[in-house]
Full PDB file with SEQRES, HELIX, SHEET, SSBOND, CRYST1, ORIGX, SCALE, CONECT and MASTER records, all heavy atoms in Angstrom:
SEQRES   1 A   28  ASP ILE GLU ASP ALA ASP THR GLU ASP PRO LEU TRP GLU          
SEQRES   2 A   28  THR PRO ASP TYR SER SER LEU GLY GLU GLU LEU ALA PRO          
SEQRES   3 A   28  ALA ALA                                                      
SHEET    1 AA1 2 GLU A  13  THR A  14  0                                        
SHEET    2 AA1 2 TYR A  17  SER A  18 -1                                        
CRYST1    1.000    1.000    1.000  90.00  90.00  90.00 P 1           1          
ORIGX1      1.000000  0.000000  0.000000        0.00000                         
ORIGX2      0.000000  1.000000  0.000000        0.00000                         
ORIGX3      0.000000  0.000000  1.000000        0.00000                         
SCALE1      1.000000  0.000000  0.000000        0.00000                         
SCALE2      0.000000  1.000000  0.000000        0.00000                         
SCALE3      0.000000  0.000000  1.000000        0.00000                         
ATOM      1  N   ASP A   1       0.855  -1.181  -0.012  1.00  0.00           N  
ATOM      2  CA  ASP A   1      -0.017  -0.006  -0.029  1.00  0.00           C  
ATOM      3  C   ASP A   1       0.890   1.214   0.012  1.00  0.00           C  
ATOM      4  O   ASP A   1       1.895   1.282   0.745  1.00  0.00           O  
ATOM      5  CB  ASP A   1      -0.897   0.035   1.268  1.00  0.00           C  
ATOM      6  CG  ASP A   1      -1.919  -1.089   1.233  1.00  0.00           C  
ATOM      7  OD1 ASP A   1      -2.537  -1.293   0.177  1.00  0.00           O  
ATOM      8  OD2 ASP A   1      -2.114  -1.742   2.280  1.00  0.00           O  
ATOM      9  N   ILE A   2       0.592   2.171  -0.824  1.00  0.00           N  
ATOM     10  CA  ILE A   2       1.385   3.399  -0.854  1.00  0.00           C  
ATOM     11  C   ILE A   2       1.234   4.129   0.441  1.00  0.00           C  
ATOM     12  O   ILE A   2       0.128   4.475   0.849  1.00  0.00           O  
ATOM     13  CB  ILE A   2       1.049   4.269  -2.071  1.00  0.00           C  
ATOM     14  CG1 ILE A   2       1.330   3.532  -3.374  1.00  0.00           C  
ATOM     15  CG2 ILE A   2       1.806   5.600  -2.023  1.00  0.00           C  
ATOM     16  CD1 ILE A   2       0.912   4.238  -4.605  1.00  0.00           C  
ATOM     17  N   GLU A   3       2.335   4.399   1.106  1.00  0.00           N  
ATOM     18  CA  GLU A   3       2.291   4.982   2.445  1.00  0.00           C  
ATOM     19  C   GLU A   3       2.142   6.452   2.403  1.00  0.00           C  
ATOM     20  O   GLU A   3       2.604   7.150   1.466  1.00  0.00           O  
ATOM     21  CB  GLU A   3       3.584   4.623   3.211  1.00  0.00           C  
ATOM     22  CG  GLU A   3       3.828   3.128   3.320  1.00  0.00           C  
ATOM     23  CD  GLU A   3       5.096   2.813   4.049  1.00  0.00           C  
ATOM     24  OE1 GLU A   3       5.660   3.748   4.709  1.00  0.00           O  
ATOM     25  OE2 GLU A   3       5.594   1.664   3.990  1.00  0.00           O  
ATOM     26  N   ASP A   4       1.480   7.024   3.413  1.00  0.00           N  
ATOM     27  CA  ASP A   4       1.531   8.428   3.659  1.00  0.00           C  
ATOM     28  C   ASP A   4       2.789   8.706   4.419  1.00  0.00           C  
ATOM     29  O   ASP A   4       3.154   7.986   5.357  1.00  0.00           O  
ATOM     30  CB  ASP A   4       0.292   8.947   4.459  1.00  0.00           C  
ATOM     31  CG  ASP A   4      -0.949   8.913   3.608  1.00  0.00           C  
ATOM     32  OD1 ASP A   4      -0.844   9.228   2.411  1.00  0.00           O  
ATOM     33  OD2 ASP A   4      -2.015   8.554   4.161  1.00  0.00           O  
ATOM     34  N   ALA A   5       3.533   9.739   4.009  1.00  0.00           N  
ATOM     35  CA  ALA A   5       4.738  10.153   4.770  1.00  0.00           C  
ATOM     36  C   ALA A   5       4.376  10.426   6.191  1.00  0.00           C  
ATOM     37  O   ALA A   5       3.430  11.158   6.461  1.00  0.00           O  
ATOM     38  CB  ALA A   5       5.405  11.360   4.132  1.00  0.00           C  
ATOM     39  N   ASP A   6       5.056   9.815   7.175  1.00  0.00           N  
ATOM     40  CA  ASP A   6       4.739   9.988   8.566  1.00  0.00           C  
ATOM     41  C   ASP A   6       5.570  11.002   9.255  1.00  0.00           C  
ATOM     42  O   ASP A   6       5.678  11.101  10.477  1.00  0.00           O  
ATOM     43  CB  ASP A   6       4.829   8.619   9.309  1.00  0.00           C  
ATOM     44  CG  ASP A   6       6.155   7.965   9.170  1.00  0.00           C  
ATOM     45  OD1 ASP A   6       7.062   8.577   8.544  1.00  0.00           O  
ATOM     46  OD2 ASP A   6       6.311   6.827   9.642  1.00  0.00           O  
ATOM     47  N   THR A   7       6.279  11.839   8.496  1.00  0.00           N  
ATOM     48  CA  THR A   7       7.056  12.935   9.045  1.00  0.00           C  
ATOM     49  C   THR A   7       6.616  14.222   8.387  1.00  0.00           C  
ATOM     50  O   THR A   7       6.056  14.202   7.267  1.00  0.00           O  
ATOM     51  CB  THR A   7       8.569  12.738   8.809  1.00  0.00           C  
ATOM     52  OG1 THR A   7       8.823  12.601   7.412  1.00  0.00           O  
ATOM     53  CG2 THR A   7       9.085  11.484   9.528  1.00  0.00           C  
ATOM     54  N   GLU A   8       6.852  15.343   9.021  1.00  0.00           N  
ATOM     55  CA  GLU A   8       6.436  16.619   8.507  1.00  0.00           C  
ATOM     56  C   GLU A   8       7.196  16.931   7.215  1.00  0.00           C  
ATOM     57  O   GLU A   8       6.646  17.444   6.248  1.00  0.00           O  
ATOM     58  CB  GLU A   8       6.736  17.751   9.530  1.00  0.00           C  
ATOM     59  CG  GLU A   8       6.320  19.144   9.082  1.00  0.00           C  
ATOM     60  CD  GLU A   8       4.801  19.254   8.896  1.00  0.00           C  
ATOM     61  OE1 GLU A   8       4.042  18.495   9.549  1.00  0.00           O  
ATOM     62  OE2 GLU A   8       4.390  20.123   8.095  1.00  0.00           O  
ATOM     63  N   ASP A   9       8.477  16.546   7.180  1.00  0.00           N  
ATOM     64  CA  ASP A   9       9.289  16.813   5.936  1.00  0.00           C  
ATOM     65  C   ASP A   9       9.397  15.537   5.141  1.00  0.00           C  
ATOM     66  O   ASP A   9       9.372  14.428   5.714  1.00  0.00           O  
ATOM     67  CB  ASP A   9      10.714  17.296   6.319  1.00  0.00           C  
ATOM     68  CG  ASP A   9      10.659  18.602   7.074  1.00  0.00           C  
ATOM     69  OD1 ASP A   9       9.925  19.493   6.641  1.00  0.00           O  
ATOM     70  OD2 ASP A   9      11.389  18.747   8.059  1.00  0.00           O  
ATOM     71  N   PRO A  10       9.519  15.649   3.823  1.00  0.00           N  
ATOM     72  CA  PRO A  10       9.648  14.456   3.010  1.00  0.00           C  
ATOM     73  C   PRO A  10      10.891  13.638   3.359  1.00  0.00           C  
ATOM     74  O   PRO A  10      11.874  14.195   3.844  1.00  0.00           O  
ATOM     75  CB  PRO A  10       9.761  15.022   1.578  1.00  0.00           C  
ATOM     76  CG  PRO A  10       9.137  16.355   1.660  1.00  0.00           C  
ATOM     77  CD  PRO A  10       9.435  16.876   3.009  1.00  0.00           C  
ATOM     78  N   LEU A  11      10.800  12.326   3.152  1.00  0.00           N  
ATOM     79  CA  LEU A  11      11.950  11.436   3.422  1.00  0.00           C  
ATOM     80  C   LEU A  11      13.143  11.814   2.594  1.00  0.00           C  
ATOM     81  O   LEU A  11      12.980  12.099   1.404  1.00  0.00           O  
ATOM     82  CB  LEU A  11      11.532  10.007   3.087  1.00  0.00           C  
ATOM     83  CG  LEU A  11      12.620   8.934   3.235  1.00  0.00           C  
ATOM     84  CD1 LEU A  11      12.925   8.695   4.705  1.00  0.00           C  
ATOM     85  CD2 LEU A  11      12.202   7.660   2.516  1.00  0.00           C  
ATOM     86  N   TRP A  12      14.296  11.852   3.225  1.00  0.00           N  
ATOM     87  CA  TRP A  12      15.528  12.133   2.483  1.00  0.00           C  
ATOM     88  C   TRP A  12      16.635  11.319   3.118  1.00  0.00           C  
ATOM     89  O   TRP A  12      17.074  11.613   4.243  1.00  0.00           O  
ATOM     90  CB  TRP A  12      15.905  13.647   2.575  1.00  0.00           C  
ATOM     91  CG  TRP A  12      16.831  14.056   1.522  1.00  0.00           C  
ATOM     92  CD1 TRP A  12      18.190  13.911   1.551  1.00  0.00           C  
ATOM     93  CD2 TRP A  12      16.526  14.674   0.293  1.00  0.00           C  
ATOM     94  NE1 TRP A  12      18.737  14.415   0.385  1.00  0.00           N  
ATOM     95  CE2 TRP A  12      17.747  14.907  -0.439  1.00  0.00           C  
ATOM     96  CE3 TRP A  12      15.328  15.093  -0.304  1.00  0.00           C  
ATOM     97  CZ2 TRP A  12      17.777  15.489  -1.677  1.00  0.00           C  
ATOM     98  CZ3 TRP A  12      15.377  15.702  -1.553  1.00  0.00           C  
ATOM     99  CH2 TRP A  12      16.590  15.881  -2.244  1.00  0.00           C  
ATOM    100  N   GLU A  13      17.075  10.310   2.445  1.00  0.00           N  
ATOM    101  CA  GLU A  13      18.108   9.416   2.961  1.00  0.00           C  
ATOM    102  C   GLU A  13      19.081   9.077   1.887  1.00  0.00           C  
ATOM    103  O   GLU A  13      18.716   8.673   0.757  1.00  0.00           O  
ATOM    104  CB  GLU A  13      17.531   8.085   3.508  1.00  0.00           C  
ATOM    105  CG  GLU A  13      16.684   8.301   4.734  1.00  0.00           C  
ATOM    106  CD  GLU A  13      16.502   6.960   5.463  1.00  0.00           C  
ATOM    107  OE1 GLU A  13      16.505   5.923   4.809  1.00  0.00           O  
ATOM    108  OE2 GLU A  13      16.295   6.966   6.698  1.00  0.00           O  
ATOM    109  N   THR A  14      20.366   9.277   2.176  1.00  0.00           N  
ATOM    110  CA  THR A  14      21.454   8.908   1.283  1.00  0.00           C  
ATOM    111  C   THR A  14      22.404   8.013   2.076  1.00  0.00           C  
ATOM    112  O   THR A  14      22.196   7.839   3.273  1.00  0.00           O  
ATOM    113  CB  THR A  14      22.193  10.156   0.776  1.00  0.00           C  
ATOM    114  OG1 THR A  14      22.837  10.776   1.868  1.00  0.00           O  
ATOM    115  CG2 THR A  14      21.212  11.130   0.106  1.00  0.00           C  
ATOM    116  N   PRO A  15      23.404   7.421   1.427  1.00  0.00           N  
ATOM    117  CA  PRO A  15      24.315   6.568   2.171  1.00  0.00           C  
ATOM    118  C   PRO A  15      24.968   7.228   3.366  1.00  0.00           C  
ATOM    119  O   PRO A  15      25.391   6.511   4.294  1.00  0.00           O  
ATOM    120  CB  PRO A  15      25.333   6.140   1.138  1.00  0.00           C  
ATOM    121  CG  PRO A  15      24.542   6.116  -0.143  1.00  0.00           C  
ATOM    122  CD  PRO A  15      23.604   7.296  -0.008  1.00  0.00           C  
ATOM    123  N   ASP A  16      25.039   8.548   3.405  1.00  0.00           N  
ATOM    124  CA  ASP A  16      25.671   9.212   4.552  1.00  0.00           C  
ATOM    125  C   ASP A  16      24.791  10.229   5.245  1.00  0.00           C  
ATOM    126  O   ASP A  16      25.265  11.057   6.054  1.00  0.00           O  
ATOM    127  CB  ASP A  16      26.996   9.876   4.112  1.00  0.00           C  
ATOM    128  CG  ASP A  16      26.793  10.845   2.970  1.00  0.00           C  
ATOM    129  OD1 ASP A  16      25.617  11.173   2.606  1.00  0.00           O  
ATOM    130  OD2 ASP A  16      27.773  11.353   2.419  1.00  0.00           O  
ATOM    131  N   TYR A  17      23.447  10.168   5.032  1.00  0.00           N  
ATOM    132  CA  TYR A  17      22.528  11.090   5.707  1.00  0.00           C  
ATOM    133  C   TYR A  17      21.165  10.430   5.840  1.00  0.00           C  
ATOM    134  O   TYR A  17      20.699   9.752   4.919  1.00  0.00           O  
ATOM    135  CB  TYR A  17      22.388  12.400   4.951  1.00  0.00           C  
ATOM    136  CG  TYR A  17      21.342  13.313   5.501  1.00  0.00           C  
ATOM    137  CD1 TYR A  17      21.576  14.130   6.618  1.00  0.00           C  
ATOM    138  CD2 TYR A  17      20.013  13.329   4.954  1.00  0.00           C  
ATOM    139  CE1 TYR A  17      20.612  14.898   7.147  1.00  0.00           C  
ATOM    140  CE2 TYR A  17      19.053  14.145   5.505  1.00  0.00           C  
ATOM    141  CZ  TYR A  17      19.344  14.946   6.615  1.00  0.00           C  
ATOM    142  OH  TYR A  17      18.329  15.703   7.162  1.00  0.00           O  
ATOM    143  N   SER A  18      20.516  10.666   6.986  1.00  0.00           N  
ATOM    144  CA  SER A  18      19.176  10.139   7.227  1.00  0.00           C  
ATOM    145  C   SER A  18      18.291  11.224   7.854  1.00  0.00           C  
ATOM    146  O   SER A  18      18.601  11.668   8.977  1.00  0.00           O  
ATOM    147  CB  SER A  18      19.217   8.907   8.165  1.00  0.00           C  
ATOM    148  OG  SER A  18      17.921   8.553   8.542  1.00  0.00           O  
ATOM    149  N   SER A  19      17.189  11.651   7.156  1.00  0.00           N  
ATOM    150  CA  SER A  19      16.297  12.607   7.729  1.00  0.00           C  
ATOM    151  C   SER A  19      15.523  12.001   8.862  1.00  0.00           C  
ATOM    152  O   SER A  19      14.884  12.727   9.662  1.00  0.00           O  
ATOM    153  CB  SER A  19      15.336  13.096   6.618  1.00  0.00           C  
ATOM    154  OG  SER A  19      14.527  12.053   6.166  1.00  0.00           O  
ATOM    155  N   LEU A  20      15.524  10.683   8.974  1.00  0.00           N  
ATOM    156  CA  LEU A  20      14.882   9.995  10.079  1.00  0.00           C  
ATOM    157  C   LEU A  20      15.704   9.914  11.325  1.00  0.00           C  
ATOM    158  O   LEU A  20      15.302   9.428  12.360  1.00  0.00           O  
ATOM    159  CB  LEU A  20      14.445   8.585   9.670  1.00  0.00           C  
ATOM    160  CG  LEU A  20      13.507   8.483   8.473  1.00  0.00           C  
ATOM    161  CD1 LEU A  20      13.223   7.036   8.068  1.00  0.00           C  
ATOM    162  CD2 LEU A  20      12.199   9.226   8.717  1.00  0.00           C  
ATOM    163  N   GLY A  21      16.961  10.373  11.198  1.00  0.00           N  
ATOM    164  CA  GLY A  21      17.875  10.380  12.343  1.00  0.00           C  
ATOM    165  C   GLY A  21      18.490   8.981  12.645  1.00  0.00           C  
ATOM    166  O   GLY A  21      19.000   8.740  13.733  1.00  0.00           O  
ATOM    167  N   GLU A  22      18.453   8.089  11.663  1.00  0.00           N  
ATOM    168  CA  GLU A  22      18.988   6.751  11.891  1.00  0.00           C  
ATOM    169  C   GLU A  22      20.528   6.810  11.984  1.00  0.00           C  
ATOM    170  O   GLU A  22      21.182   7.585  11.310  1.00  0.00           O  
ATOM    171  CB  GLU A  22      18.601   5.803  10.754  1.00  0.00           C  
ATOM    172  CG  GLU A  22      17.111   5.517  10.720  1.00  0.00           C  
ATOM    173  CD  GLU A  22      16.769   4.485   9.663  1.00  0.00           C  
ATOM    174  OE1 GLU A  22      17.695   4.103   8.896  1.00  0.00           O  
ATOM    175  OE2 GLU A  22      15.583   4.056   9.579  1.00  0.00           O  
ATOM    176  N   GLU A  23      21.056   5.932  12.841  1.00  0.00           N  
ATOM    177  CA  GLU A  23      22.512   5.867  12.909  1.00  0.00           C  
ATOM    178  C   GLU A  23      23.012   5.063  11.733  1.00  0.00           C  
ATOM    179  O   GLU A  23      22.509   3.987  11.429  1.00  0.00           O  
ATOM    180  CB  GLU A  23      22.878   5.155  14.240  1.00  0.00           C  
ATOM    181  CG  GLU A  23      24.376   5.118  14.493  1.00  0.00           C  
ATOM    182  CD  GLU A  23      24.721   4.568  15.865  1.00  0.00           C  
ATOM    183  OE1 GLU A  23      23.851   4.517  16.702  1.00  0.00           O  
ATOM    184  OE2 GLU A  23      25.935   4.200  16.017  1.00  0.00           O  
ATOM    185  N   LEU A  24      23.975   5.629  11.038  1.00  0.00           N  
ATOM    186  CA  LEU A  24      24.439   5.042   9.791  1.00  0.00           C  
ATOM    187  C   LEU A  24      25.807   4.382   9.957  1.00  0.00           C  
ATOM    188  O   LEU A  24      26.711   4.980  10.557  1.00  0.00           O  
ATOM    189  CB  LEU A  24      24.504   6.104   8.693  1.00  0.00           C  
ATOM    190  CG  LEU A  24      23.211   6.865   8.387  1.00  0.00           C  
ATOM    191  CD1 LEU A  24      23.477   7.945   7.344  1.00  0.00           C  
ATOM    192  CD2 LEU A  24      22.091   5.916   7.969  1.00  0.00           C  
ATOM    193  N   ALA A  25      25.920   3.184   9.435  1.00  0.00           N  
ATOM    194  CA  ALA A  25      27.223   2.562   9.379  1.00  0.00           C  
ATOM    195  C   ALA A  25      27.994   3.142   8.208  1.00  0.00           C  
ATOM    196  O   ALA A  25      27.422   3.687   7.279  1.00  0.00           O  
ATOM    197  CB  ALA A  25      27.043   1.038   9.169  1.00  0.00           C  
ATOM    198  N   PRO A  26      29.309   3.072   8.243  1.00  0.00           N  
ATOM    199  CA  PRO A  26      30.078   3.580   7.134  1.00  0.00           C  
ATOM    200  C   PRO A  26      29.645   2.951   5.801  1.00  0.00           C  
ATOM    201  O   PRO A  26      29.368   1.758   5.756  1.00  0.00           O  
ATOM    202  CB  PRO A  26      31.533   3.146   7.464  1.00  0.00           C  
ATOM    203  CG  PRO A  26      31.551   2.966   8.948  1.00  0.00           C  
ATOM    204  CD  PRO A  26      30.157   2.507   9.336  1.00  0.00           C  
ATOM    205  N   ALA A  27      29.502   3.761   4.819  1.00  0.00           N  
ATOM    206  CA  ALA A  27      29.018   3.274   3.514  1.00  0.00           C  
ATOM    207  C   ALA A  27      29.939   2.286   2.899  1.00  0.00           C  
ATOM    208  O   ALA A  27      31.185   2.515   2.853  1.00  0.00           O  
ATOM    209  CB  ALA A  27      28.767   4.473   2.560  1.00  0.00           C  
ATOM    210  N   ALA A  28      29.420   1.165   2.414  1.00  0.00           N  
ATOM    211  CA  ALA A  28      30.231   0.159   1.785  1.00  0.00           C  
ATOM    212  C   ALA A  28      30.287   0.433   0.290  1.00  0.00           C  
ATOM    213  O   ALA A  28      29.412   1.098  -0.256  1.00  0.00           O  
ATOM    214  CB  ALA A  28      29.611  -1.243   2.028  1.00  0.00           C  
TER     215      ALA A  28                                                      
MASTER        0    0    0    0    2    0    0    6  214    1    0    3          
END                                                                             
């Protein structure tokens, strides 16, 4: 099911950044 974004700002995640505040391991 297509989800509604559950944060005020749109999702933005790259190998070295997480708008969700997730802890990131070094990019492989």
